[in-house]
Amino acid sequence: MFGLSFNRVAGDSMFPRLKNGNFVLLSEHFDKQKLQAGDMLKLLHPRYGYMVKTLVGIDHSGWFWFKGESKHSVSINDIGPIAAQQIKSKVIFVC
């Protein structure tokens, strides 16, 4: 509703920033041109499905690169480059 949704965190791939069981408030209304390294975003990955990860950066070709916060998370290389249309929402609040 209104482009906002709550999701419950499942797993520890974003620990310590997000803990298993936390809730995140997500917004579908954000400017992808203004994203910065460190932003947490929900993306749709072709292999892993929906996931919340931290933006590492945007390369010269316009691909977005993400990481988990835990050493046990899927690696940057395994996630691979993400196109802008795969980014679905931005985490705006954690509780």
Protein backbone atom coordinates (compact mmCIF):
# COMPACT_ATOMS: atom_id res chain seq x y z
CA MET A 1 0.00 0.00 0.00
CA PHE A 2 1.36 3.43 -1.02
CA GLY A 3 4.54 1.74 -2.22
CA LEU A 4 5.53 0.74 1.33
CA SER A 5 5.85 -2.76 2.73
CA PHE A 6 7.19 -4.56 5.78
CA ASN A 7 9.35 -7.66 5.43
CA ARG A 8 10.73 -9.89 8.13
CA VAL A 9 14.43 -10.72 7.91
CA ALA A 10 15.10 -14.44 7.55
CA GLY A 11 18.70 -15.47 8.14
CA ASP A 12 21.92 -13.84 9.22
CA SER A 13 23.50 -12.83 5.91
CA MET A 14 23.17 -9.14 6.84
CA PHE A 15 24.28 -9.54 10.48
CA PRO A 16 25.13 -7.36 12.37
CA ARG A 17 23.22 -4.63 10.46
CA LEU A 18 20.12 -6.80 10.29
CA LYS A 19 19.37 -9.65 12.63
CA ASN A 20 17.26 -12.72 11.94
CA GLY A 21 13.70 -11.74 12.88
CA ASN A 22 14.12 -7.97 12.41
CA PHE A 23 11.51 -6.17 10.36
CA VAL A 24 12.42 -3.75 7.59
CA LEU A 25 10.21 -1.04 6.15
CA LEU A 26 10.73 -0.85 2.39
CA SER A 27 9.83 1.90 -0.06
CA GLU A 28 9.32 1.38 -3.78
CA HIS A 29 9.58 5.15 -4.31
CA PHE A 30 13.23 6.17 -4.48
CA ASP A 31 15.59 7.63 -7.07
CA LYS A 32 17.97 4.96 -8.34
CA GLN A 33 20.25 7.72 -9.62
CA LYS A 34 20.82 8.90 -6.03
CA LEU A 35 21.71 5.53 -4.49
CA GLN A 36 24.94 5.45 -2.53
CA ALA A 37 27.29 2.79 -1.28
CA GLY A 38 25.95 1.52 2.03
CA ASP A 39 22.27 1.74 1.09
CA MET A 40 20.31 -1.43 1.86
CA LEU A 41 18.08 -2.53 -1.01
CA LYS A 42 15.75 -5.39 -1.83
CA LEU A 43 16.58 -6.94 -5.17
CA LEU A 44 15.28 -9.80 -7.26
CA HIS A 45 18.14 -12.12 -8.12
CA PRO A 46 17.63 -14.69 -10.91
CA ARG A 47 19.20 -17.49 -8.82
CA TYR A 48 18.57 -16.50 -5.18
CA GLY A 49 15.19 -14.76 -5.48
CA TYR A 50 14.37 -11.75 -3.33
CA MET A 51 17.18 -10.63 -1.06
CA VAL A 52 18.15 -7.57 0.96
CA LYS A 53 21.78 -6.61 0.47
CA THR A 54 24.07 -3.61 0.86
CA LEU A 55 25.02 -1.60 -2.20
CA VAL A 56 28.79 -1.61 -2.71
CA GLY A 57 28.85 0.59 -5.79
CA ILE A 58 27.89 1.15 -9.40
CA ASP A 59 30.43 0.36 -12.10
CA HIS A 60 31.20 2.39 -15.23
CA SER A 61 28.70 0.29 -17.23
CA GLY A 62 25.82 1.07 -14.86
CA TRP A 63 25.72 -2.31 -13.11
CA PHE A 64 25.00 -2.36 -9.39
CA TRP A 65 27.14 -4.49 -7.06
CA PHE A 66 25.95 -5.80 -3.69
CA LYS A 67 27.24 -7.65 -0.65
CA GLY A 68 25.94 -9.19 2.53
CA GLU A 69 27.28 -8.00 5.85
CA SER A 70 28.17 -11.43 7.25
CA LYS A 71 31.20 -13.41 6.19
CA HIS A 72 28.75 -16.30 5.65
CA SER A 73 26.69 -14.34 3.11
CA VAL A 74 26.68 -14.93 -0.62
CA SER A 75 29.78 -13.24 -2.05
CA ILE A 76 29.81 -10.16 -4.26
CA ASN A 77 31.00 -12.34 -7.14
CA ASP A 78 28.23 -14.91 -6.60
CA ILE A 79 25.60 -12.17 -6.57
CA GLY A 80 27.21 -10.66 -9.65
CA PRO A 81 26.18 -7.48 -11.44
CA ILE A 82 22.58 -6.37 -10.89
CA ALA A 83 20.59 -4.29 -13.39
CA ALA A 84 18.58 -1.29 -12.18
CA GLN A 85 15.27 -3.03 -12.96
CA GLN A 86 16.16 -5.85 -10.54
CA ILE A 87 16.23 -3.39 -7.63
CA LYS A 88 12.72 -3.41 -6.19
CA SER A 89 12.77 -1.30 -3.03
CA LYS A 90 14.95 0.51 -0.51
CA VAL A 91 15.16 -0.18 3.22
CA ILE A 92 14.10 3.00 5.00
CA PHE A 93 13.66 1.74 8.56
CA VAL A 94 14.71 -1.27 10.64
CA CYS A 95 12.91 -2.48 13.76
